[in-house]
Amino acid sequence: MEIDPHVIDVLLPDLVGHDRHPSAYLTYLYLYRQTADEAAELSLTQIAEGTGLSKRAVQAALATLQRRGLVDIERDSITSVGRYAVKRPWQSSR
């Protein structure tokens, strides 16, 4: 899978430099790779292990990504495994 240049050229300096949330950028990259244009069910543990972050850091990152409109998150309950869909708002066709 090829990474959209916008993810590196715009999101990297925006999330890491401007927002000071490098964990959000790492989490976005991980989800970008795991979802491959479709939503995927992943546990916080899976995301934490895949990124090298703590579960708490992943939770904070997901909140940032959801607030920024970069990830949609669905859960049946607060403790259930999440279903994540990566959004690419810079692309009108997605």
PDB file of N, CA and C in Angstrom:
ATOM      1  N   MET A   1       0.849  -1.177   0.000  1.00  0.00           N
ATOM      2  CA  MET A   1       0.000   0.000   0.000  1.00  0.00           C
ATOM      3  C   MET A   1       0.895   1.240   0.000  1.00  0.00           C
ATOM      4  N   GLU A   2       0.579   2.139  -0.861  1.00  0.00           N
ATOM      5  CA  GLU A   2       1.323   3.397  -0.938  1.00  0.00           C
ATOM      6  C   GLU A   2       0.695   4.420   0.001  1.00  0.00           C
ATOM      7  N   ILE A   3       1.531   5.176   0.678  1.00  0.00           N
ATOM      8  CA  ILE A   3       1.037   6.215   1.582  1.00  0.00           C
ATOM      9  C   ILE A   3       0.825   7.495   0.795  1.00  0.00           C
ATOM     10  N   ASP A   4      -0.336   8.070   0.961  1.00  0.00           N
ATOM     11  CA  ASP A   4      -0.667   9.336   0.317  1.00  0.00           C
ATOM     12  C   ASP A   4       0.337  10.399   0.779  1.00  0.00           C
ATOM     13  N   PRO A   5       0.925  11.173  -0.137  1.00  0.00           N
ATOM     14  CA  PRO A   5       1.894  12.202   0.251  1.00  0.00           C
ATOM     15  C   PRO A   5       1.365  13.191   1.288  1.00  0.00           C
ATOM     16  N   HIS A   6       0.066  13.431   1.302  1.00  0.00           N
ATOM     17  CA  HIS A   6      -0.535  14.355   2.260  1.00  0.00           C
ATOM     18  C   HIS A   6      -0.279  13.892   3.703  1.00  0.00           C
ATOM     19  N   VAL A   7      -0.265  12.573   3.915  1.00  0.00           N
ATOM     20  CA  VAL A   7      -0.054  12.014   5.255  1.00  0.00           C
ATOM     21  C   VAL A   7       1.316  12.429   5.799  1.00  0.00           C
ATOM     22  N   ILE A   8       2.304  12.488   4.937  1.00  0.00           N
ATOM     23  CA  ILE A   8       3.655  12.860   5.377  1.00  0.00           C
ATOM     24  C   ILE A   8       3.871  14.365   5.274  1.00  0.00           C
ATOM     25  N   ASP A   9       3.461  14.957   4.178  1.00  0.00           N
ATOM     26  CA  ASP A   9       3.749  16.377   3.943  1.00  0.00           C
ATOM     27  C   ASP A   9       2.915  17.323   4.798  1.00  0.00           C
ATOM     28  N   VAL A  10       1.694  16.936   5.153  1.00  0.00           N
ATOM     29  CA  VAL A  10       0.797  17.831   5.886  1.00  0.00           C
ATOM     30  C   VAL A  10       0.487  17.315   7.295  1.00  0.00           C
ATOM     31  N   LEU A  11       0.066  16.045   7.401  1.00  0.00           N
ATOM     32  CA  LEU A  11      -0.310  15.532   8.719  1.00  0.00           C
ATOM     33  C   LEU A  11       0.864  15.430   9.675  1.00  0.00           C
ATOM     34  N   LEU A  12       2.023  15.028   9.187  1.00  0.00           N
ATOM     35  CA  LEU A  12       3.196  14.907  10.067  1.00  0.00           C
ATOM     36  C   LEU A  12       3.502  16.227  10.762  1.00  0.00           C
ATOM     37  N   PRO A  13       3.747  17.317  10.032  1.00  0.00           N
ATOM     38  CA  PRO A  13       4.033  18.563  10.746  1.00  0.00           C
ATOM     39  C   PRO A  13       2.839  19.113  11.525  1.00  0.00           C
ATOM     40  N   ASP A  14       1.620  18.808  11.071  1.00  0.00           N
ATOM     41  CA  ASP A  14       0.437  19.317  11.762  1.00  0.00           C
ATOM     42  C   ASP A  14       0.224  18.614  13.098  1.00  0.00           C
ATOM     43  N   LEU A  15       0.186  17.282  13.097  1.00  0.00           N
ATOM     44  CA  LEU A  15      -0.070  16.541  14.333  1.00  0.00           C
ATOM     45  C   LEU A  15       1.131  16.558  15.285  1.00  0.00           C
ATOM     46  N   VAL A  16       2.329  16.424  14.738  1.00  0.00           N
ATOM     47  CA  VAL A  16       3.515  16.347  15.596  1.00  0.00           C
ATOM     48  C   VAL A  16       4.022  17.736  15.976  1.00  0.00           C
ATOM     49  N   GLY A  17       4.175  18.606  14.986  1.00  0.00           N
ATOM     50  CA  GLY A  17       4.730  19.923  15.253  1.00  0.00           C
ATOM     51  C   GLY A  17       3.744  20.905  15.843  1.00  0.00           C
ATOM     52  N   HIS A  18       2.602  21.044  15.215  1.00  0.00           N
ATOM     53  CA  HIS A  18       1.613  22.031  15.648  1.00  0.00           C
ATOM     54  C   HIS A  18       0.820  21.568  16.871  1.00  0.00           C
ATOM     55  N   ASP A  19       0.216  20.388  16.778  1.00  0.00           N
ATOM     56  CA  ASP A  19      -0.629  19.886  17.872  1.00  0.00           C
ATOM     57  C   ASP A  19       0.171  19.243  19.001  1.00  0.00           C
ATOM     58  N   ARG A  20       1.425  18.910  18.735  1.00  0.00           N
ATOM     59  CA  ARG A  20       2.283  18.246  19.735  1.00  0.00           C
ATOM     60  C   ARG A  20       1.691  16.906  20.182  1.00  0.00           C
ATOM     61  N   HIS A  21       1.191  16.137  19.199  1.00  0.00           N
ATOM     62  CA  HIS A  21       0.636  14.816  19.463  1.00  0.00           C
ATOM     63  C   HIS A  21       1.271  13.781  18.534  1.00  0.00           C
ATOM     64  N   PRO A  22       2.552  13.487  18.744  1.00  0.00           N
ATOM     65  CA  PRO A  22       3.172  12.465  17.891  1.00  0.00           C
ATOM     66  C   PRO A  22       2.493  11.105  18.011  1.00  0.00           C
ATOM     67  N   SER A  23       1.897  10.824  19.174  1.00  0.00           N
ATOM     68  CA  SER A  23       1.191   9.550  19.334  1.00  0.00           C
ATOM     69  C   SER A  23      -0.016   9.480  18.397  1.00  0.00           C
ATOM     70  N   ALA A  24      -0.652  10.594  18.135  1.00  0.00           N
ATOM     71  CA  ALA A  24      -1.785  10.616  17.209  1.00  0.00           C
ATOM     72  C   ALA A  24      -1.309  10.308  15.790  1.00  0.00           C
ATOM     73  N   TYR A  25      -0.157  10.831  15.431  1.00  0.00           N
ATOM     74  CA  TYR A  25       0.385  10.566  14.098  1.00  0.00           C
ATOM     75  C   TYR A  25       0.743   9.087  13.956  1.00  0.00           C
ATOM     76  N   LEU A  26       1.423   8.526  14.946  1.00  0.00           N
ATOM     77  CA  LEU A  26       1.768   7.101  14.903  1.00  0.00           C
ATOM     78  C   LEU A  26       0.516   6.229  14.836  1.00  0.00           C
ATOM     79  N   THR A  27      -0.473   6.593  15.605  1.00  0.00           N
ATOM     80  CA  THR A  27      -1.717   5.831  15.618  1.00  0.00           C
ATOM     81  C   THR A  27      -2.421   5.935  14.267  1.00  0.00           C
ATOM     82  N   TYR A  28      -2.437   7.117  13.681  1.00  0.00           N
ATOM     83  CA  TYR A  28      -3.040   7.293  12.363  1.00  0.00           C
ATOM     84  C   TYR A  28      -2.325   6.419  11.334  1.00  0.00           C
ATOM     85  N   LEU A  29      -0.996   6.431  11.349  1.00  0.00           N
ATOM     86  CA  LEU A  29      -0.244   5.605  10.400  1.00  0.00           C
ATOM     87  C   LEU A  29      -0.561   4.125  10.577  1.00  0.00           C
ATOM     88  N   TYR A  30      -0.624   3.684  11.814  1.00  0.00           N
ATOM     89  CA  TYR A  30      -0.930   2.280  12.081  1.00  0.00           C
ATOM     90  C   TYR A  30      -2.321   1.926  11.558  1.00  0.00           C
ATOM     91  N   LEU A  31      -3.301   2.749  11.866  1.00  0.00           N
ATOM     92  CA  LEU A  31      -4.663   2.489  11.408  1.00  0.00           C
ATOM     93  C   LEU A  31      -4.764   2.591   9.885  1.00  0.00           C
ATOM     94  N   TYR A  32      -4.046   3.528   9.308  1.00  0.00           N
ATOM     95  CA  TYR A  32      -4.014   3.700   7.851  1.00  0.00           C
ATOM     96  C   TYR A  32      -3.597   2.389   7.187  1.00  0.00           C
ATOM     97  N   ARG A  33      -2.569   1.773   7.752  1.00  0.00           N
ATOM     98  CA  ARG A  33      -2.050   0.512   7.206  1.00  0.00           C
ATOM     99  C   ARG A  33      -2.997  -0.657   7.476  1.00  0.00           C
ATOM    100  N   GLN A  34      -3.561  -0.712   8.657  1.00  0.00           N
ATOM    101  CA  GLN A  34      -4.400  -1.840   9.048  1.00  0.00           C
ATOM    102  C   GLN A  34      -5.770  -1.839   8.377  1.00  0.00           C
ATOM    103  N   THR A  35      -6.296  -0.684   8.086  1.00  0.00           N
ATOM    104  CA  THR A  35      -7.654  -0.632   7.549  1.00  0.00           C
ATOM    105  C   THR A  35      -7.714  -0.806   6.038  1.00  0.00           C
ATOM    106  N   ALA A  36      -6.690  -0.401   5.323  1.00  0.00           N
ATOM    107  CA  ALA A  36      -6.636  -0.577   3.864  1.00  0.00           C
ATOM    108  C   ALA A  36      -7.955  -0.211   3.184  1.00  0.00           C
ATOM    109  N   ASP A  37      -8.440   0.984   3.447  1.00  0.00           N
ATOM    110  CA  ASP A  37      -9.657   1.528   2.838  1.00  0.00           C
ATOM    111  C   ASP A  37     -10.955   0.890   3.332  1.00  0.00           C
ATOM    112  N   GLU A  38     -10.879   0.061   4.373  1.00  0.00           N
ATOM    113  CA  GLU A  38     -12.073  -0.517   4.974  1.00  0.00           C
ATOM    114  C   GLU A  38     -11.936  -0.432   6.485  1.00  0.00           C
ATOM    115  N   ALA A  39     -13.046  -0.354   7.175  1.00  0.00           N
ATOM    116  CA  ALA A  39     -13.011  -0.319   8.635  1.00  0.00           C
ATOM    117  C   ALA A  39     -12.486  -1.657   9.164  1.00  0.00           C
ATOM    118  N   ALA A  40     -11.819  -1.595  10.312  1.00  0.00           N
ATOM    119  CA  ALA A  40     -11.270  -2.809  10.925  1.00  0.00           C
ATOM    120  C   ALA A  40     -11.512  -2.783  12.425  1.00  0.00           C
ATOM    121  N   GLU A  41     -11.781  -3.960  12.969  1.00  0.00           N
ATOM    122  CA  GLU A  41     -11.934  -4.091  14.412  1.00  0.00           C
ATOM    123  C   GLU A  41     -10.571  -4.363  15.019  1.00  0.00           C
ATOM    124  N   LEU A  42     -10.181  -3.500  15.948  1.00  0.00           N
ATOM    125  CA  LEU A  42      -8.893  -3.624  16.615  1.00  0.00           C
ATOM    126  C   LEU A  42      -9.053  -3.271  18.083  1.00  0.00           C
ATOM    127  N   SER A  43      -8.376  -3.998  18.930  1.00  0.00           N
ATOM    128  CA  SER A  43      -8.408  -3.669  20.351  1.00  0.00           C
ATOM    129  C   SER A  43      -7.359  -2.600  20.645  1.00  0.00           C
ATOM    130  N   LEU A  44      -7.517  -1.938  21.770  1.00  0.00           N
ATOM    131  CA  LEU A  44      -6.506  -0.964  22.183  1.00  0.00           C
ATOM    132  C   LEU A  44      -5.156  -1.641  22.356  1.00  0.00           C
ATOM    133  N   THR A  45      -5.162  -2.863  22.841  1.00  0.00           N
ATOM    134  CA  THR A  45      -3.915  -3.615  23.012  1.00  0.00           C
ATOM    135  C   THR A  45      -3.230  -3.848  21.667  1.00  0.00           C
ATOM    136  N   GLN A  46      -3.993  -4.223  20.660  1.00  0.00           N
ATOM    137  CA  GLN A  46      -3.421  -4.431  19.328  1.00  0.00           C
ATOM    138  C   GLN A  46      -2.790  -3.145  18.801  1.00  0.00           C
ATOM    139  N   ILE A  47      -3.490  -2.048  18.953  1.00  0.00           N
ATOM    140  CA  ILE A  47      -2.973  -0.769  18.470  1.00  0.00           C
ATOM    141  C   ILE A  47      -1.730  -0.377  19.269  1.00  0.00           C
ATOM    142  N   ALA A  48      -1.780  -0.558  20.579  1.00  0.00           N
ATOM    143  CA  ALA A  48      -0.635  -0.231  21.425  1.00  0.00           C
ATOM    144  C   ALA A  48       0.586  -1.064  21.042  1.00  0.00           C
ATOM    145  N   GLU A  49       0.407  -2.348  20.845  1.00  0.00           N
ATOM    146  CA  GLU A  49       1.523  -3.212  20.460  1.00  0.00           C
ATOM    147  C   GLU A  49       2.037  -2.862  19.070  1.00  0.00           C
ATOM    148  N   GLY A  50       1.132  -2.508  18.172  1.00  0.00           N
ATOM    149  CA  GLY A  50       1.523  -2.169  16.804  1.00  0.00           C
ATOM    150  C   GLY A  50       2.254  -0.841  16.678  1.00  0.00           C
ATOM    151  N   THR A  51       2.012   0.051  17.615  1.00  0.00           N
ATOM    152  CA  THR A  51       2.647   1.374  17.565  1.00  0.00           C
ATOM    153  C   THR A  51       3.792   1.531  18.555  1.00  0.00           C
ATOM    154  N   GLY A  52       3.839   0.663  19.558  1.00  0.00           N
ATOM    155  CA  GLY A  52       4.835   0.813  20.614  1.00  0.00           C
ATOM    156  C   GLY A  52       4.421   1.812  21.682  1.00  0.00           C
ATOM    157  N   LEU A  53       3.172   2.223  21.649  1.00  0.00           N
ATOM    158  CA  LEU A  53       2.654   3.191  22.620  1.00  0.00           C
ATOM    159  C   LEU A  53       1.941   2.458  23.753  1.00  0.00           C
ATOM    160  N   SER A  54       1.714   3.163  24.848  1.00  0.00           N
ATOM    161  CA  SER A  54       0.901   2.603  25.929  1.00  0.00           C
ATOM    162  C   SER A  54      -0.571   2.670  25.517  1.00  0.00           C
ATOM    163  N   LYS A  55      -1.401   1.864  26.177  1.00  0.00           N
ATOM    164  CA  LYS A  55      -2.833   1.905  25.872  1.00  0.00           C
ATOM    165  C   LYS A  55      -3.407   3.286  26.171  1.00  0.00           C
ATOM    166  N   ARG A  56      -2.942   3.921  27.221  1.00  0.00           N
ATOM    167  CA  ARG A  56      -3.428   5.259  27.571  1.00  0.00           C
ATOM    168  C   ARG A  56      -3.054   6.270  26.483  1.00  0.00           C
ATOM    169  N   ALA A  57      -1.830   6.156  25.960  1.00  0.00           N
ATOM    170  CA  ALA A  57      -1.404   7.057  24.881  1.00  0.00           C
ATOM    171  C   ALA A  57      -2.248   6.819  23.627  1.00  0.00           C
ATOM    172  N   VAL A  58      -2.582   5.565  23.363  1.00  0.00           N
ATOM    173  CA  VAL A  58      -3.439   5.237  22.215  1.00  0.00           C
ATOM    174  C   VAL A  58      -4.827   5.834  22.409  1.00  0.00           C
ATOM    175  N   GLN A  59      -5.382   5.732  23.609  1.00  0.00           N
ATOM    176  CA  GLN A  59      -6.698   6.314  23.881  1.00  0.00           C
ATOM    177  C   GLN A  59      -6.690   7.821  23.637  1.00  0.00           C
ATOM    178  N   ALA A  60      -5.652   8.497  24.108  1.00  0.00           N
ATOM    179  CA  ALA A  60      -5.549   9.945  23.903  1.00  0.00           C
ATOM    180  C   ALA A  60      -5.384  10.256  22.414  1.00  0.00           C
ATOM    181  N   ALA A  61      -4.584   9.459  21.723  1.00  0.00           N
ATOM    182  CA  ALA A  61      -4.362   9.663  20.288  1.00  0.00           C
ATOM    183  C   ALA A  61      -5.664   9.482  19.512  1.00  0.00           C
ATOM    184  N   LEU A  62      -6.418   8.453  19.854  1.00  0.00           N
ATOM    185  CA  LEU A  62      -7.690   8.206  19.170  1.00  0.00           C
ATOM    186  C   LEU A  62      -8.670   9.351  19.401  1.00  0.00           C
ATOM    187  N   ALA A  63      -8.673   9.897  20.598  1.00  0.00           N
ATOM    188  CA  ALA A  63      -9.544  11.038  20.882  1.00  0.00           C
ATOM    189  C   ALA A  63      -9.159  12.231  20.016  1.00  0.00           C
ATOM    190  N   THR A  64      -7.864  12.468  19.871  1.00  0.00           N
ATOM    191  CA  THR A  64      -7.381  13.562  19.026  1.00  0.00           C
ATOM    192  C   THR A  64      -7.768  13.325  17.572  1.00  0.00           C
ATOM    193  N   LEU A  65      -7.551  12.110  17.086  1.00  0.00           N
ATOM    194  CA  LEU A  65      -7.867  11.796  15.689  1.00  0.00           C
ATOM    195  C   LEU A  65      -9.359  11.884  15.411  1.00  0.00           C
ATOM    196  N   GLN A  66     -10.160  11.454  16.356  1.00  0.00           N
ATOM    197  CA  GLN A  66     -11.604  11.549  16.177  1.00  0.00           C
ATOM    198  C   GLN A  66     -12.055  13.010  16.184  1.00  0.00           C
ATOM    199  N   ARG A  67     -11.516  13.783  17.100  1.00  0.00           N
ATOM    200  CA  ARG A  67     -11.858  15.210  17.186  1.00  0.00           C
ATOM    201  C   ARG A  67     -11.459  15.942  15.908  1.00  0.00           C
ATOM    202  N   ARG A  68     -10.333  15.556  15.324  1.00  0.00           N
ATOM    203  CA  ARG A  68      -9.841  16.188  14.098  1.00  0.00           C
ATOM    204  C   ARG A  68     -10.536  15.664  12.840  1.00  0.00           C
ATOM    205  N   GLY A  69     -11.411  14.678  12.989  1.00  0.00           N
ATOM    206  CA  GLY A  69     -12.126  14.140  11.836  1.00  0.00           C
ATOM    207  C   GLY A  69     -11.279  13.236  10.965  1.00  0.00           C
ATOM    208  N   LEU A  70     -10.248  12.629  11.544  1.00  0.00           N
ATOM    209  CA  LEU A  70      -9.358  11.763  10.785  1.00  0.00           C
ATOM    210  C   LEU A  70      -9.674  10.279  10.967  1.00  0.00           C
ATOM    211  N   VAL A  71     -10.440   9.942  11.988  1.00  0.00           N
ATOM    212  CA  VAL A  71     -10.801   8.553  12.251  1.00  0.00           C
ATOM    213  C   VAL A  71     -12.244   8.506  12.755  1.00  0.00           C
ATOM    214  N   ASP A  72     -13.017   7.578  12.218  1.00  0.00           N
ATOM    215  CA  ASP A  72     -14.348   7.279  12.746  1.00  0.00           C
ATOM    216  C   ASP A  72     -14.214   6.057  13.638  1.00  0.00           C
ATOM    217  N   ILE A  73     -14.844   6.115  14.811  1.00  0.00           N
ATOM    218  CA  ILE A  73     -14.776   5.013  15.761  1.00  0.00           C
ATOM    219  C   ILE A  73     -16.190   4.593  16.124  1.00  0.00           C
ATOM    220  N   GLU A  74     -16.448   3.297  16.012  1.00  0.00           N
ATOM    221  CA  GLU A  74     -17.737   2.735  16.415  1.00  0.00           C
ATOM    222  C   GLU A  74     -17.478   1.663  17.462  1.00  0.00           C
ATOM    223  N   ARG A  75     -18.307   1.658  18.492  1.00  0.00           N
ATOM    224  CA  ARG A  75     -18.240   0.637  19.534  1.00  0.00           C
ATOM    225  C   ARG A  75     -19.662   0.279  19.946  1.00  0.00           C
ATOM    226  N   ASP A  76     -19.865  -0.998  20.257  1.00  0.00           N
ATOM    227  CA  ASP A  76     -21.172  -1.429  20.766  1.00  0.00           C
ATOM    228  C   ASP A  76     -21.366  -0.954  22.195  1.00  0.00           C
ATOM    229  N   SER A  77     -20.276  -0.911  22.958  1.00  0.00           N
ATOM    230  CA  SER A  77     -20.311  -0.398  24.326  1.00  0.00           C
ATOM    231  C   SER A  77     -18.951   0.214  24.628  1.00  0.00           C
ATOM    232  N   ILE A  78     -18.839   0.881  25.752  1.00  0.00           N
ATOM    233  CA  ILE A  78     -17.595   1.562  26.095  1.00  0.00           C
ATOM    234  C   ILE A  78     -16.424   0.594  26.262  1.00  0.00           C
ATOM    235  N   THR A  79     -16.712  -0.667  26.598  1.00  0.00           N
ATOM    236  CA  THR A  79     -15.648  -1.636  26.811  1.00  0.00           C
ATOM    237  C   THR A  79     -15.441  -2.583  25.632  1.00  0.00           C
ATOM    238  N   SER A  80     -16.230  -2.462  24.586  1.00  0.00           N
ATOM    239  CA  SER A  80     -16.102  -3.374  23.449  1.00  0.00           C
ATOM    240  C   SER A  80     -14.963  -2.942  22.520  1.00  0.00           C
ATOM    241  N   VAL A  81     -14.540  -3.871  21.703  1.00  0.00           N
ATOM    242  CA  VAL A  81     -13.493  -3.608  20.714  1.00  0.00           C
ATOM    243  C   VAL A  81     -14.019  -2.589  19.714  1.00  0.00           C
ATOM    244  N   GLY A  82     -13.175  -1.641  19.360  1.00  0.00           N
ATOM    245  CA  GLY A  82     -13.581  -0.598  18.433  1.00  0.00           C
ATOM    246  C   GLY A  82     -13.468  -1.014  16.986  1.00  0.00           C
ATOM    247  N   ARG A  83     -14.283  -0.385  16.178  1.00  0.00           N
ATOM    248  CA  ARG A  83     -14.209  -0.544  14.723  1.00  0.00           C
ATOM    249  C   ARG A  83     -13.770   0.811  14.188  1.00  0.00           C
ATOM    250  N   TYR A  84     -12.599   0.825  13.539  1.00  0.00           N
ATOM    251  CA  TYR A  84     -11.968   2.071  13.124  1.00  0.00           C
ATOM    252  C   TYR A  84     -11.975   2.210  11.604  1.00  0.00           C
ATOM    253  N   ALA A  85     -12.316   3.398  11.165  1.00  0.00           N
ATOM    254  CA  ALA A  85     -12.266   3.731   9.744  1.00  0.00           C
ATOM    255  C   ALA A  85     -11.442   5.004   9.598  1.00  0.00           C
ATOM    256  N   VAL A  86     -10.377   4.903   8.847  1.00  0.00           N
ATOM    257  CA  VAL A  86      -9.509   6.051   8.617  1.00  0.00           C
ATOM    258  C   VAL A  86     -10.139   6.937   7.560  1.00  0.00           C
ATOM    259  N   LYS A  87     -10.182   8.202   7.855  1.00  0.00           N
ATOM    260  CA  LYS A  87     -10.740   9.170   6.911  1.00  0.00           C
ATOM    261  C   LYS A  87      -9.600   9.945   6.260  1.00  0.00           C
ATOM    262  N   ARG A  88      -9.840  10.354   5.059  1.00  0.00           N
ATOM    263  CA  ARG A  88      -8.888  11.152   4.302  1.00  0.00           C
ATOM    264  C   ARG A  88      -9.643  12.379   3.783  1.00  0.00           C
ATOM    265  N   PRO A  89      -9.906  13.352   4.655  1.00  0.00           N
ATOM    266  CA  PRO A  89     -10.759  14.475   4.265  1.00  0.00           C
ATOM    267  C   PRO A  89     -10.213  15.311   3.116  1.00  0.00           C
ATOM    268  N   TRP A  90      -8.947  15.206   2.836  1.00  0.00           N
ATOM    269  CA  TRP A  90      -8.349  15.952   1.721  1.00  0.00           C
ATOM    270  C   TRP A  90      -8.690  15.325   0.375  1.00  0.00           C
ATOM    271  N   GLN A  91      -9.260  14.110   0.402  1.00  0.00           N
ATOM    272  CA  GLN A  91      -9.672  13.434  -0.829  1.00  0.00           C
ATOM    273  C   GLN A  91     -11.195  13.429  -0.874  1.00  0.00           C
ATOM    274  N   SER A  92     -11.767  14.084  -1.816  1.00  0.00           N
ATOM    275  CA  SER A  92     -13.226  14.207  -1.860  1.00  0.00           C
ATOM    276  C   SER A  92     -13.915  12.890  -2.184  1.00  0.00           C
ATOM    277  N   SER A  93     -13.240  11.939  -2.813  1.00  0.00           N
ATOM    278  CA  SER A  93     -13.879  10.701  -3.225  1.00  0.00           C
ATOM    279  C   SER A  93     -13.897   9.640  -2.140  1.00  0.00           C
ATOM    280  N   ARG A  94     -13.336   9.880  -0.947  1.00  0.00           N
ATOM    281  CA  ARG A  94     -13.295   8.864   0.116  1.00  0.00           C
ATOM    282  C   ARG A  94     -14.196   9.233   1.235  1.00  0.00           C
TER     283      ARG A  94
END
